[in-house]
């Protein structure tokens, strides 16, 4: 089992920056591809960004390209999502996810989920 705990959400104004963190425990962190998903009220959960295990290759959904940066520190068992230029449409609950296969992250079916952290962006 892998346990994932997110932190760093909050209420910010449009244009602000925020960094989310996801700490993993229970298994070797570097064995897992990781991703950040978000779910706005009344909408489906969607993949925002993902990062591979050790080569740390990244990919982003078009809506956040150039504004969000995903990273990971395998020595600290932590993944990050640095968000800048936040927009009201970024308001959502953000979830971290882990899977042995990056394809599972990309298909929206990871092995493990965190509990989520709320990000609210006011206009």
PDB file of N, CA and C in Angstrom:
ATOM      1  N   UNK A   1       0.834  -1.195   0.000  1.00  0.00           N
ATOM      2  CA  UNK A   1       0.000   0.000   0.000  1.00  0.00           C
ATOM      3  C   UNK A   1       0.869   1.246   0.000  1.00  0.00           C
ATOM      4  N   UNK A   2       0.403   2.241  -0.704  1.00  0.00           N
ATOM      5  CA  UNK A   2       1.050   3.550  -0.713  1.00  0.00           C
ATOM      6  C   UNK A   2       0.070   4.551  -0.123  1.00  0.00           C
ATOM      7  N   UNK A   3       0.530   5.324   0.820  1.00  0.00           N
ATOM      8  CA  UNK A   3      -0.281   6.393   1.377  1.00  0.00           C
ATOM      9  C   UNK A   3       0.221   7.721   0.828  1.00  0.00           C
ATOM     10  N   UNK A   4      -0.715   8.553   0.399  1.00  0.00           N
ATOM     11  CA  UNK A   4      -0.391   9.848  -0.177  1.00  0.00           C
ATOM     12  C   UNK A   4      -1.128  10.934   0.597  1.00  0.00           C
ATOM     13  N   UNK A   5      -0.401  11.964   0.980  1.00  0.00           N
ATOM     14  CA  UNK A   5      -0.999  13.061   1.731  1.00  0.00           C
ATOM     15  C   UNK A   5      -0.631  14.368   1.061  1.00  0.00           C
ATOM     16  N   UNK A   6      -1.658  15.110   0.630  1.00  0.00           N
ATOM     17  CA  UNK A   6      -1.449  16.405  -0.008  1.00  0.00           C
ATOM     18  C   UNK A   6      -1.503  17.525   1.019  1.00  0.00           C
ATOM     19  N   UNK A   7      -0.852  18.616   0.682  1.00  0.00           N
ATOM     20  CA  UNK A   7      -0.923  19.818   1.495  1.00  0.00           C
ATOM     21  C   UNK A   7      -0.655  21.016   0.610  1.00  0.00           C
ATOM     22  N   UNK A   8      -0.953  22.217   1.138  1.00  0.00           N
ATOM     23  CA  UNK A   8      -0.600  23.438   0.438  1.00  0.00           C
ATOM     24  C   UNK A   8      -1.750  24.167  -0.225  1.00  0.00           C
ATOM     25  N   UNK A   9      -2.946  23.592  -0.193  1.00  0.00           N
ATOM     26  CA  UNK A   9      -4.077  24.281  -0.786  1.00  0.00           C
ATOM     27  C   UNK A   9      -4.475  25.501   0.020  1.00  0.00           C
ATOM     28  N   UNK A  10      -5.362  26.303  -0.563  1.00  0.00           N
ATOM     29  CA  UNK A  10      -5.832  27.478   0.153  1.00  0.00           C
ATOM     30  C   UNK A  10      -6.644  28.390  -0.739  1.00  0.00           C
ATOM     31  N   UNK A  11      -6.970  29.556  -0.192  1.00  0.00           N
ATOM     32  CA  UNK A  11      -7.722  30.590  -0.911  1.00  0.00           C
ATOM     33  C   UNK A  11      -6.762  31.688  -1.320  1.00  0.00           C
ATOM     34  N   UNK A  12      -6.696  31.965  -2.620  1.00  0.00           N
ATOM     35  CA  UNK A  12      -5.809  32.996  -3.126  1.00  0.00           C
ATOM     36  C   UNK A  12      -6.544  33.844  -4.155  1.00  0.00           C
ATOM     37  N   UNK A  13      -5.965  34.995  -4.463  1.00  0.00           N
ATOM     38  CA  UNK A  13      -6.535  35.851  -5.501  1.00  0.00           C
ATOM     39  C   UNK A  13      -5.980  35.468  -6.864  1.00  0.00           C
ATOM     40  N   UNK A  14      -6.711  35.809  -7.888  1.00  0.00           N
ATOM     41  CA  UNK A  14      -6.257  35.554  -9.249  1.00  0.00           C
ATOM     42  C   UNK A  14      -4.886  36.196  -9.467  1.00  0.00           C
ATOM     43  N   UNK A  15      -4.025  35.456 -10.144  1.00  0.00           N
ATOM     44  CA  UNK A  15      -2.679  35.933 -10.404  1.00  0.00           C
ATOM     45  C   UNK A  15      -1.649  35.471  -9.396  1.00  0.00           C
ATOM     46  N   UNK A  16      -2.119  34.949  -8.285  1.00  0.00           N
ATOM     47  CA  UNK A  16      -1.207  34.504  -7.222  1.00  0.00           C
ATOM     48  C   UNK A  16      -0.561  33.167  -7.581  1.00  0.00           C
ATOM     49  N   UNK A  17       0.381  32.782  -6.728  1.00  0.00           N
ATOM     50  CA  UNK A  17       1.064  31.500  -6.869  1.00  0.00           C
ATOM     51  C   UNK A  17       0.807  30.650  -5.641  1.00  0.00           C
ATOM     52  N   UNK A  18       0.886  29.347  -5.836  1.00  0.00           N
ATOM     53  CA  UNK A  18       0.665  28.399  -4.749  1.00  0.00           C
ATOM     54  C   UNK A  18       1.432  27.133  -5.095  1.00  0.00           C
ATOM     55  N   UNK A  19       2.002  26.497  -4.086  1.00  0.00           N
ATOM     56  CA  UNK A  19       2.694  25.235  -4.314  1.00  0.00           C
ATOM     57  C   UNK A  19       2.050  24.136  -3.472  1.00  0.00           C
ATOM     58  N   UNK A  20       1.632  23.090  -4.142  1.00  0.00           N
ATOM     59  CA  UNK A  20       1.083  21.919  -3.471  1.00  0.00           C
ATOM     60  C   UNK A  20       2.193  20.888  -3.283  1.00  0.00           C
ATOM     61  N   UNK A  21       2.074  20.111  -2.222  1.00  0.00           N
ATOM     62  CA  UNK A  21       3.006  19.023  -1.964  1.00  0.00           C
ATOM     63  C   UNK A  21       2.228  17.740  -1.722  1.00  0.00           C
ATOM     64  N   UNK A  22       2.839  16.629  -2.094  1.00  0.00           N
ATOM     65  CA  UNK A  22       2.254  15.313  -1.870  1.00  0.00           C
ATOM     66  C   UNK A  22       3.357  14.415  -1.326  1.00  0.00           C
ATOM     67  N   UNK A  23       3.180  13.957  -0.106  1.00  0.00           N
ATOM     68  CA  UNK A  23       4.167  13.089   0.524  1.00  0.00           C
ATOM     69  C   UNK A  23       3.677  11.650   0.465  1.00  0.00           C
ATOM     70  N   UNK A  24       4.541  10.761  -0.009  1.00  0.00           N
ATOM     71  CA  UNK A  24       4.202   9.356  -0.104  1.00  0.00           C
ATOM     72  C   UNK A  24       4.895   8.530   0.960  1.00  0.00           C
ATOM     73  N   UNK A  25       4.240   7.460   1.357  1.00  0.00           N
ATOM     74  CA  UNK A  25       4.840   6.541   2.325  1.00  0.00           C
ATOM     75  C   UNK A  25       4.312   5.139   2.070  1.00  0.00           C
ATOM     76  N   UNK A  26       5.012   4.156   2.597  1.00  0.00           N
ATOM     77  CA  UNK A  26       4.553   2.774   2.507  1.00  0.00           C
ATOM     78  C   UNK A  26       5.279   1.929   1.492  1.00  0.00           C
ATOM     79  N   UNK A  27       5.804   2.540   0.458  1.00  0.00           N
ATOM     80  CA  UNK A  27       6.548   1.816  -0.576  1.00  0.00           C
ATOM     81  C   UNK A  27       7.669   2.714  -1.079  1.00  0.00           C
ATOM     82  N   UNK A  28       8.551   2.183  -1.894  1.00  0.00           N
ATOM     83  CA  UNK A  28       9.643   2.978  -2.447  1.00  0.00           C
ATOM     84  C   UNK A  28       9.084   4.005  -3.416  1.00  0.00           C
ATOM     85  N   UNK A  29       9.192   5.266  -3.047  1.00  0.00           N
ATOM     86  CA  UNK A  29       8.563   6.367  -3.787  1.00  0.00           C
ATOM     87  C   UNK A  29       9.004   6.395  -5.248  1.00  0.00           C
ATOM     88  N   UNK A  30      10.290   6.134  -5.484  1.00  0.00           N
ATOM     89  CA  UNK A  30      10.826   6.250  -6.842  1.00  0.00           C
ATOM     90  C   UNK A  30      10.360   5.122  -7.765  1.00  0.00           C
ATOM     91  N   UNK A  31       9.648   4.157  -7.242  1.00  0.00           N
ATOM     92  CA  UNK A  31       9.095   3.080  -8.065  1.00  0.00           C
ATOM     93  C   UNK A  31       7.776   3.453  -8.717  1.00  0.00           C
ATOM     94  N   UNK A  32       7.285   4.662  -8.423  1.00  0.00           N
ATOM     95  CA  UNK A  32       5.955   5.061  -8.854  1.00  0.00           C
ATOM     96  C   UNK A  32       5.988   6.304  -9.714  1.00  0.00           C
ATOM     97  N   UNK A  33       5.286   6.238 -10.839  1.00  0.00           N
ATOM     98  CA  UNK A  33       4.965   7.453 -11.569  1.00  0.00           C
ATOM     99  C   UNK A  33       3.910   8.198 -10.762  1.00  0.00           C
ATOM    100  N   UNK A  34       3.932   9.523 -10.880  1.00  0.00           N
ATOM    101  CA  UNK A  34       3.046  10.343 -10.050  1.00  0.00           C
ATOM    102  C   UNK A  34       2.290  11.339 -10.924  1.00  0.00           C
ATOM    103  N   UNK A  35       1.168  11.784 -10.402  1.00  0.00           N
ATOM    104  CA  UNK A  35       0.410  12.785 -11.144  1.00  0.00           C
ATOM    105  C   UNK A  35      -0.442  13.635 -10.229  1.00  0.00           C
ATOM    106  N   UNK A  36      -0.809  14.790 -10.738  1.00  0.00           N
ATOM    107  CA  UNK A  36      -1.777  15.663 -10.073  1.00  0.00           C
ATOM    108  C   UNK A  36      -3.044  15.700 -10.916  1.00  0.00           C
ATOM    109  N   UNK A  37      -4.161  15.479 -10.263  1.00  0.00           N
ATOM    110  CA  UNK A  37      -5.487  15.592 -10.876  1.00  0.00           C
ATOM    111  C   UNK A  37      -6.237  16.716 -10.171  1.00  0.00           C
ATOM    112  N   UNK A  38      -7.284  17.200 -10.818  1.00  0.00           N
ATOM    113  CA  UNK A  38      -8.155  18.152 -10.142  1.00  0.00           C
ATOM    114  C   UNK A  38      -9.604  17.886 -10.516  1.00  0.00           C
ATOM    115  N   UNK A  39     -10.469  18.244  -9.590  1.00  0.00           N
ATOM    116  CA  UNK A  39     -11.899  18.066  -9.816  1.00  0.00           C
ATOM    117  C   UNK A  39     -12.633  19.298  -9.320  1.00  0.00           C
ATOM    118  N   UNK A  40     -13.261  19.989 -10.253  1.00  0.00           N
ATOM    119  CA  UNK A  40     -14.080  21.149  -9.917  1.00  0.00           C
ATOM    120  C   UNK A  40     -15.502  20.668  -9.610  1.00  0.00           C
ATOM    121  N   UNK A  41     -16.267  21.463  -8.853  1.00  0.00           N
ATOM    122  CA  UNK A  41     -17.633  21.057  -8.508  1.00  0.00           C
ATOM    123  C   UNK A  41     -18.460  20.755  -9.754  1.00  0.00           C
ATOM    124  N   UNK A  42     -19.099  19.597  -9.767  1.00  0.00           N
ATOM    125  CA  UNK A  42     -19.955  19.220 -10.879  1.00  0.00           C
ATOM    126  C   UNK A  42     -19.233  18.749 -12.120  1.00  0.00           C
ATOM    127  N   UNK A  43     -17.918  18.613 -12.021  1.00  0.00           N
ATOM    128  CA  UNK A  43     -17.135  18.189 -13.188  1.00  0.00           C
ATOM    129  C   UNK A  43     -16.355  16.924 -12.878  1.00  0.00           C
ATOM    130  N   UNK A  44     -15.867  16.304 -13.925  1.00  0.00           N
ATOM    131  CA  UNK A  44     -15.084  15.092 -13.762  1.00  0.00           C
ATOM    132  C   UNK A  44     -13.672  15.416 -13.269  1.00  0.00           C
ATOM    133  N   UNK A  45     -13.055  14.437 -12.643  1.00  0.00           N
ATOM    134  CA  UNK A  45     -11.672  14.569 -12.231  1.00  0.00           C
ATOM    135  C   UNK A  45     -10.787  14.440 -13.474  1.00  0.00           C
ATOM    136  N   UNK A  46      -9.864  15.378 -13.649  1.00  0.00           N
ATOM    137  CA  UNK A  46      -9.010  15.379 -14.836  1.00  0.00           C
ATOM    138  C   UNK A  46      -7.534  15.453 -14.448  1.00  0.00           C
ATOM    139  N   UNK A  47      -6.705  14.890 -15.297  1.00  0.00           N
ATOM    140  CA  UNK A  47      -5.266  14.919 -15.084  1.00  0.00           C
ATOM    141  C   UNK A  47      -4.727  16.300 -15.423  1.00  0.00           C
ATOM    142  N   UNK A  48      -3.956  16.863 -14.525  1.00  0.00           N
ATOM    143  CA  UNK A  48      -3.360  18.179 -14.720  1.00  0.00           C
ATOM    144  C   UNK A  48      -1.915  18.037 -15.196  1.00  0.00           C
ATOM    145  N   UNK A  49      -1.163  17.174 -14.535  1.00  0.00           N
ATOM    146  CA  UNK A  49       0.243  16.996 -14.868  1.00  0.00           C
ATOM    147  C   UNK A  49       0.706  15.651 -14.335  1.00  0.00           C
ATOM    148  N   UNK A  50       1.731  15.106 -14.991  1.00  0.00           N
ATOM    149  CA  UNK A  50       2.288  13.860 -14.489  1.00  0.00           C
ATOM    150  C   UNK A  50       3.810  13.887 -14.652  1.00  0.00           C
ATOM    151  N   UNK A  51       4.457  13.028 -13.853  1.00  0.00           N
ATOM    152  CA  UNK A  51       5.907  12.969 -13.880  1.00  0.00           C
ATOM    153  C   UNK A  51       6.317  11.515 -13.739  1.00  0.00           C
ATOM    154  N   UNK A  52       7.313  11.099 -14.511  1.00  0.00           N
ATOM    155  CA  UNK A  52       7.746   9.713 -14.464  1.00  0.00           C
ATOM    156  C   UNK A  52       8.663   9.464 -13.270  1.00  0.00           C
ATOM    157  N   UNK A  53       9.040   8.183 -13.108  1.00  0.00           N
ATOM    158  CA  UNK A  53       9.638   7.736 -11.855  1.00  0.00           C
ATOM    159  C   UNK A  53      10.991   8.357 -11.557  1.00  0.00           C
ATOM    160  N   UNK A  54      11.964   8.125 -12.428  1.00  0.00           N
ATOM    161  CA  UNK A  54      13.327   8.570 -12.138  1.00  0.00           C
ATOM    162  C   UNK A  54      13.859   9.527 -13.194  1.00  0.00           C
ATOM    163  N   UNK A  55      13.438   9.366 -14.432  1.00  0.00           N
ATOM    164  CA  UNK A  55      13.871  10.320 -15.463  1.00  0.00           C
ATOM    165  C   UNK A  55      13.122  11.636 -15.313  1.00  0.00           C
ATOM    166  N   UNK A  56      11.972  11.582 -14.567  1.00  0.00           N
ATOM    167  CA  UNK A  56      11.201  12.770 -14.249  1.00  0.00           C
ATOM    168  C   UNK A  56      10.738  13.507 -15.491  1.00  0.00           C
ATOM    169  N   UNK A  57      10.322  12.753 -16.469  1.00  0.00           N
ATOM    170  CA  UNK A  57       9.729  13.361 -17.651  1.00  0.00           C
ATOM    171  C   UNK A  57       8.338  13.858 -17.290  1.00  0.00           C
ATOM    172  N   UNK A  58       7.995  15.028 -17.793  1.00  0.00           N
ATOM    173  CA  UNK A  58       6.738  15.646 -17.395  1.00  0.00           C
ATOM    174  C   UNK A  58       5.808  15.863 -18.589  1.00  0.00           C
ATOM    175  N   UNK A  59       4.527  15.987 -18.273  1.00  0.00           N
ATOM    176  CA  UNK A  59       3.529  16.315 -19.280  1.00  0.00           C
ATOM    177  C   UNK A  59       2.401  17.071 -18.585  1.00  0.00           C
ATOM    178  N   UNK A  60       1.780  17.988 -19.327  1.00  0.00           N
ATOM    179  CA  UNK A  60       0.767  18.864 -18.745  1.00  0.00           C
ATOM    180  C   UNK A  60      -0.463  18.936 -19.644  1.00  0.00           C
ATOM    181  N   UNK A  61      -1.606  19.147 -19.016  1.00  0.00           N
ATOM    182  CA  UNK A  61      -2.771  19.457 -19.807  1.00  0.00           C
ATOM    183  C   UNK A  61      -2.635  20.872 -20.351  1.00  0.00           C
ATOM    184  N   UNK A  62      -3.218  21.124 -21.519  1.00  0.00           N
ATOM    185  CA  UNK A  62      -3.025  22.414 -22.176  1.00  0.00           C
ATOM    186  C   UNK A  62      -3.424  23.601 -21.299  1.00  0.00           C
ATOM    187  N   UNK A  63      -4.434  23.415 -20.465  1.00  0.00           N
ATOM    188  CA  UNK A  63      -4.965  24.528 -19.667  1.00  0.00           C
ATOM    189  C   UNK A  63      -3.951  25.090 -18.674  1.00  0.00           C
ATOM    190  N   UNK A  64      -2.922  24.305 -18.344  1.00  0.00           N
ATOM    191  CA  UNK A  64      -1.976  24.767 -17.317  1.00  0.00           C
ATOM    192  C   UNK A  64      -0.561  24.917 -17.852  1.00  0.00           C
ATOM    193  N   UNK A  65      -0.332  24.596 -19.108  1.00  0.00           N
ATOM    194  CA  UNK A  65       1.013  24.694 -19.669  1.00  0.00           C
ATOM    195  C   UNK A  65       1.538  26.119 -19.552  1.00  0.00           C
ATOM    196  N   UNK A  66       2.775  26.230 -19.105  1.00  0.00           N
ATOM    197  CA  UNK A  66       3.387  27.540 -18.934  1.00  0.00           C
ATOM    198  C   UNK A  66       3.074  28.198 -17.605  1.00  0.00           C
ATOM    199  N   UNK A  67       2.112  27.650 -16.850  1.00  0.00           N
ATOM    200  CA  UNK A  67       1.762  28.235 -15.548  1.00  0.00           C
ATOM    201  C   UNK A  67       2.070  27.284 -14.392  1.00  0.00           C
ATOM    202  N   UNK A  68       1.919  26.002 -14.614  1.00  0.00           N
ATOM    203  CA  UNK A  68       2.140  25.010 -13.565  1.00  0.00           C
ATOM    204  C   UNK A  68       3.426  24.235 -13.842  1.00  0.00           C
ATOM    205  N   UNK A  69       4.108  23.833 -12.770  1.00  0.00           N
ATOM    206  CA  UNK A  69       5.301  23.000 -12.881  1.00  0.00           C
ATOM    207  C   UNK A  69       5.212  21.845 -11.888  1.00  0.00           C
ATOM    208  N   UNK A  70       5.304  20.635 -12.407  1.00  0.00           N
ATOM    209  CA  UNK A  70       5.316  19.451 -11.556  1.00  0.00           C
ATOM    210  C   UNK A  70       6.759  19.025 -11.345  1.00  0.00           C
ATOM    211  N   UNK A  71       7.070  18.588 -10.140  1.00  0.00           N
ATOM    212  CA  UNK A  71       8.422  18.124  -9.837  1.00  0.00           C
ATOM    213  C   UNK A  71       8.334  17.089  -8.721  1.00  0.00           C
ATOM    214  N   UNK A  72       9.441  16.429  -8.495  1.00  0.00           N
ATOM    215  CA  UNK A  72       9.474  15.451  -7.407  1.00  0.00           C
ATOM    216  C   UNK A  72      10.864  15.381  -6.818  1.00  0.00           C
ATOM    217  N   UNK A  73      10.922  15.028  -5.547  1.00  0.00           N
ATOM    218  CA  UNK A  73      12.170  14.814  -4.829  1.00  0.00           C
ATOM    219  C   UNK A  73      12.085  13.413  -4.246  1.00  0.00           C
ATOM    220  N   UNK A  74      12.684  12.458  -4.931  1.00  0.00           N
ATOM    221  CA  UNK A  74      12.548  11.064  -4.489  1.00  0.00           C
ATOM    222  C   UNK A  74      13.228  10.816  -3.141  1.00  0.00           C
ATOM    223  N   UNK A  75      14.251  11.605  -2.836  1.00  0.00           N
ATOM    224  CA  UNK A  75      14.918  11.441  -1.538  1.00  0.00           C
ATOM    225  C   UNK A  75      14.001  11.858  -0.389  1.00  0.00           C
ATOM    226  N   UNK A  76      13.067  12.758  -0.672  1.00  0.00           N
ATOM    227  CA  UNK A  76      12.130  13.240   0.345  1.00  0.00           C
ATOM    228  C   UNK A  76      10.745  12.624   0.194  1.00  0.00           C
ATOM    229  N   UNK A  77      10.606  11.693  -0.750  1.00  0.00           N
ATOM    230  CA  UNK A  77       9.298  11.047  -0.994  1.00  0.00           C
ATOM    231  C   UNK A  77       8.198  12.074  -1.245  1.00  0.00           C
ATOM    232  N   UNK A  78       8.531  13.112  -1.972  1.00  0.00           N
ATOM    233  CA  UNK A  78       7.590  14.219  -2.140  1.00  0.00           C
ATOM    234  C   UNK A  78       7.482  14.646  -3.601  1.00  0.00           C
ATOM    235  N   UNK A  79       6.257  14.932  -3.999  1.00  0.00           N
ATOM    236  CA  UNK A  79       5.984  15.506  -5.305  1.00  0.00           C
ATOM    237  C   UNK A  79       5.379  16.888  -5.094  1.00  0.00           C
ATOM    238  N   UNK A  80       5.643  17.784  -6.032  1.00  0.00           N
ATOM    239  CA  UNK A  80       5.167  19.159  -5.911  1.00  0.00           C
ATOM    240  C   UNK A  80       4.393  19.573  -7.158  1.00  0.00           C
ATOM    241  N   UNK A  81       3.544  20.563  -6.963  1.00  0.00           N
ATOM    242  CA  UNK A  81       2.913  21.239  -8.097  1.00  0.00           C
ATOM    243  C   UNK A  81       2.989  22.725  -7.794  1.00  0.00           C
ATOM    244  N   UNK A  82       3.878  23.401  -8.518  1.00  0.00           N
ATOM    245  CA  UNK A  82       3.982  24.847  -8.353  1.00  0.00           C
ATOM    246  C   UNK A  82       3.037  25.487  -9.363  1.00  0.00           C
ATOM    247  N   UNK A  83       2.124  26.285  -8.859  1.00  0.00           N
ATOM    248  CA  UNK A  83       1.099  26.914  -9.687  1.00  0.00           C
ATOM    249  C   UNK A  83       1.288  28.419  -9.642  1.00  0.00           C
ATOM    250  N   UNK A  84       1.426  29.023 -10.804  1.00  0.00           N
ATOM    251  CA  UNK A  84       1.545  30.470 -10.870  1.00  0.00           C
ATOM    252  C   UNK A  84       0.498  31.023 -11.831  1.00  0.00           C
ATOM    253  N   UNK A  85       0.269  32.327 -11.753  1.00  0.00           N
ATOM    254  CA  UNK A  85      -0.742  32.931 -12.615  1.00  0.00           C
ATOM    255  C   UNK A  85      -2.100  32.275 -12.465  1.00  0.00           C
ATOM    256  N   UNK A  86      -2.469  31.987 -11.219  1.00  0.00           N
ATOM    257  CA  UNK A  86      -3.707  31.244 -10.979  1.00  0.00           C
ATOM    258  C   UNK A  86      -4.923  32.009 -11.475  1.00  0.00           C
ATOM    259  N   UNK A  87      -5.877  31.255 -12.009  1.00  0.00           N
ATOM    260  CA  UNK A  87      -7.110  31.791 -12.562  1.00  0.00           C
ATOM    261  C   UNK A  87      -8.298  31.232 -11.782  1.00  0.00           C
ATOM    262  N   UNK A  88      -9.427  31.938 -11.781  1.00  0.00           N
ATOM    263  CA  UNK A  88     -10.604  31.384 -11.088  1.00  0.00           C
ATOM    264  C   UNK A  88     -10.973  29.983 -11.584  1.00  0.00           C
ATOM    265  N   UNK A  89     -10.723  29.703 -12.844  1.00  0.00           N
ATOM    266  CA  UNK A  89     -11.059  28.380 -13.369  1.00  0.00           C
ATOM    267  C   UNK A  89     -10.122  27.284 -12.878  1.00  0.00           C
ATOM    268  N   UNK A  90      -9.076  27.644 -12.163  1.00  0.00           N
ATOM    269  CA  UNK A  90      -8.208  26.651 -11.526  1.00  0.00           C
ATOM    270  C   UNK A  90      -8.792  26.163 -10.205  1.00  0.00           C
ATOM    271  N   UNK A  91      -9.870  26.780  -9.765  1.00  0.00           N
ATOM    272  CA  UNK A  91     -10.508  26.371  -8.521  1.00  0.00           C
ATOM    273  C   UNK A  91     -10.978  24.929  -8.614  1.00  0.00           C
ATOM    274  N   UNK A  92     -10.524  24.116  -7.663  1.00  0.00           N
ATOM    275  CA  UNK A  92     -10.847  22.688  -7.681  1.00  0.00           C
ATOM    276  C   UNK A  92     -10.233  22.034  -6.449  1.00  0.00           C
ATOM    277  N   UNK A  93     -10.616  20.786  -6.243  1.00  0.00           N
ATOM    278  CA  UNK A  93      -9.893  19.947  -5.300  1.00  0.00           C
ATOM    279  C   UNK A  93      -8.796  19.245  -6.086  1.00  0.00           C
ATOM    280  N   UNK A  94      -7.581  19.348  -5.584  1.00  0.00           N
ATOM    281  CA  UNK A  94      -6.424  18.767  -6.264  1.00  0.00           C
ATOM    282  C   UNK A  94      -6.020  17.488  -5.548  1.00  0.00           C
ATOM    283  N   UNK A  95      -5.833  16.438  -6.350  1.00  0.00           N
ATOM    284  CA  UNK A  95      -5.495  15.122  -5.828  1.00  0.00           C
ATOM    285  C   UNK A  95      -4.153  14.675  -6.396  1.00  0.00           C
ATOM    286  N   UNK A  96      -3.322  14.080  -5.563  1.00  0.00           N
ATOM    287  CA  UNK A  96      -2.142  13.428  -6.106  1.00  0.00           C
ATOM    288  C   UNK A  96      -2.436  11.943  -6.276  1.00  0.00           C
ATOM    289  N   UNK A  97      -1.704  11.328  -7.174  1.00  0.00           N
ATOM    290  CA  UNK A  97      -1.931   9.940  -7.515  1.00  0.00           C
ATOM    291  C   UNK A  97      -0.614   9.273  -7.833  1.00  0.00           C
ATOM    292  N   UNK A  98      -0.575   7.968  -7.608  1.00  0.00           N
ATOM    293  CA  UNK A  98       0.639   7.196  -7.853  1.00  0.00           C
ATOM    294  C   UNK A  98       0.294   5.890  -8.544  1.00  0.00           C
ATOM    295  N   UNK A  99       1.193   5.453  -9.397  1.00  0.00           N
ATOM    296  CA  UNK A  99       1.006   4.174 -10.063  1.00  0.00           C
ATOM    297  C   UNK A  99       2.352   3.654 -10.537  1.00  0.00           C
ATOM    298  N   UNK A 100       2.495   2.347 -10.595  1.00  0.00           N
ATOM    299  CA  UNK A 100       3.736   1.767 -11.116  1.00  0.00           C
ATOM    300  C   UNK A 100       3.871   2.047 -12.610  1.00  0.00           C
ATOM    301  N   UNK A 101       2.748   2.232 -13.298  1.00  0.00           N
ATOM    302  CA  UNK A 101       2.775   2.486 -14.733  1.00  0.00           C
ATOM    303  C   UNK A 101       2.297   3.902 -15.019  1.00  0.00           C
ATOM    304  N   UNK A 102       3.082   4.646 -15.776  1.00  0.00           N
ATOM    305  CA  UNK A 102       2.668   6.016 -16.112  1.00  0.00           C
ATOM    306  C   UNK A 102       1.395   5.991 -16.957  1.00  0.00           C
ATOM    307  N   UNK A 103       1.197   4.916 -17.728  1.00  0.00           N
ATOM    308  CA  UNK A 103      -0.018   4.820 -18.540  1.00  0.00           C
ATOM    309  C   UNK A 103      -1.272   4.816 -17.673  1.00  0.00           C
ATOM    310  N   UNK A 104      -1.166   4.261 -16.482  1.00  0.00           N
ATOM    311  CA  UNK A 104      -2.316   4.242 -15.577  1.00  0.00           C
ATOM    312  C   UNK A 104      -2.642   5.650 -15.092  1.00  0.00           C
ATOM    313  N   UNK A 105      -1.614   6.440 -14.858  1.00  0.00           N
ATOM    314  CA  UNK A 105      -1.837   7.850 -14.502  1.00  0.00           C
ATOM    315  C   UNK A 105      -2.535   8.538 -15.667  1.00  0.00           C
ATOM    316  N   UNK A 106      -2.004   8.358 -16.849  1.00  0.00           N
ATOM    317  CA  UNK A 106      -2.524   9.056 -18.023  1.00  0.00           C
ATOM    318  C   UNK A 106      -3.933   8.626 -18.401  1.00  0.00           C
ATOM    319  N   UNK A 107      -4.317   7.427 -18.019  1.00  0.00           N
ATOM    320  CA  UNK A 107      -5.674   6.956 -18.303  1.00  0.00           C
ATOM    321  C   UNK A 107      -6.650   7.274 -17.182  1.00  0.00           C
ATOM    322  N   UNK A 108      -6.142   7.913 -16.132  1.00  0.00           N
ATOM    323  CA  UNK A 108      -7.012   8.277 -15.029  1.00  0.00           C
ATOM    324  C   UNK A 108      -7.338   7.144 -14.086  1.00  0.00           C
ATOM    325  N   UNK A 109      -6.521   6.100 -14.107  1.00  0.00           N
ATOM    326  CA  UNK A 109      -6.759   4.938 -13.259  1.00  0.00           C
ATOM    327  C   UNK A 109      -5.504   4.586 -12.482  1.00  0.00           C
ATOM    328  N   UNK A 110      -5.034   5.480 -11.647  1.00  0.00           N
ATOM    329  CA  UNK A 110      -3.831   5.177 -10.858  1.00  0.00           C
ATOM    330  C   UNK A 110      -4.126   4.154  -9.778  1.00  0.00           C
ATOM    331  N   UNK A 111      -3.064   3.617  -9.236  1.00  0.00           N
ATOM    332  CA  UNK A 111      -3.214   2.623  -8.178  1.00  0.00           C
ATOM    333  C   UNK A 111      -3.622   3.260  -6.853  1.00  0.00           C
ATOM    334  N   UNK A 112      -3.154   4.456  -6.599  1.00  0.00           N
ATOM    335  CA  UNK A 112      -3.373   5.102  -5.303  1.00  0.00           C
ATOM    336  C   UNK A 112      -3.744   6.569  -5.487  1.00  0.00           C
ATOM    337  N   UNK A 113      -4.592   7.041  -4.575  1.00  0.00           N
ATOM    338  CA  UNK A 113      -5.022   8.435  -4.537  1.00  0.00           C
ATOM    339  C   UNK A 113      -4.754   9.034  -3.158  1.00  0.00           C
ATOM    340  N   UNK A 114      -4.486  10.334  -3.158  1.00  0.00           N
ATOM    341  CA  UNK A 114      -4.494  11.072  -1.908  1.00  0.00           C
ATOM    342  C   UNK A 114      -5.908  11.528  -1.597  1.00  0.00           C
ATOM    343  N   UNK A 115      -6.060  12.218  -0.479  1.00  0.00           N
ATOM    344  CA  UNK A 115      -7.386  12.630  -0.021  1.00  0.00           C
ATOM    345  C   UNK A 115      -7.828  13.952  -0.631  1.00  0.00           C
ATOM    346  N   UNK A 116      -6.906  14.691  -1.227  1.00  0.00           N
ATOM    347  CA  UNK A 116      -7.241  15.941  -1.893  1.00  0.00           C
ATOM    348  C   UNK A 116      -6.980  17.161  -1.040  1.00  0.00           C
ATOM    349  N   UNK A 117      -6.695  18.262  -1.711  1.00  0.00           N
ATOM    350  CA  UNK A 117      -6.520  19.557  -1.049  1.00  0.00           C
ATOM    351  C   UNK A 117      -7.227  20.604  -1.900  1.00  0.00           C
ATOM    352  N   UNK A 118      -7.948  21.497  -1.244  1.00  0.00           N
ATOM    353  CA  UNK A 118      -8.788  22.465  -1.951  1.00  0.00           C
ATOM    354  C   UNK A 118      -7.985  23.699  -2.340  1.00  0.00           C
ATOM    355  N   UNK A 119      -8.130  24.099  -3.593  1.00  0.00           N
ATOM    356  CA  UNK A 119      -7.558  25.341  -4.086  1.00  0.00           C
ATOM    357  C   UNK A 119      -8.715  26.202  -4.589  1.00  0.00           C
ATOM    358  N   UNK A 120      -8.820  27.393  -4.040  1.00  0.00           N
ATOM    359  CA  UNK A 120      -9.863  28.323  -4.449  1.00  0.00           C
ATOM    360  C   UNK A 120      -9.215  29.623  -4.892  1.00  0.00           C
ATOM    361  N   UNK A 121      -9.550  30.046  -6.114  1.00  0.00           N
ATOM    362  CA  UNK A 121      -8.970  31.261  -6.675  1.00  0.00           C
ATOM    363  C   UNK A 121     -10.094  32.272  -6.869  1.00  0.00           C
ATOM    364  N   UNK A 122      -9.986  33.389  -6.194  1.00  0.00           N
ATOM    365  CA  UNK A 122     -11.005  34.420  -6.304  1.00  0.00           C
ATOM    366  C   UNK A 122     -10.621  35.420  -7.382  1.00  0.00           C
ATOM    367  N   UNK A 123     -11.633  35.996  -8.007  1.00  0.00           N
ATOM    368  CA  UNK A 123     -11.378  36.955  -9.098  1.00  0.00           C
ATOM    369  C   UNK A 123     -11.264  38.371  -8.573  1.00  0.00           C
TER     370      UNK A 123
END
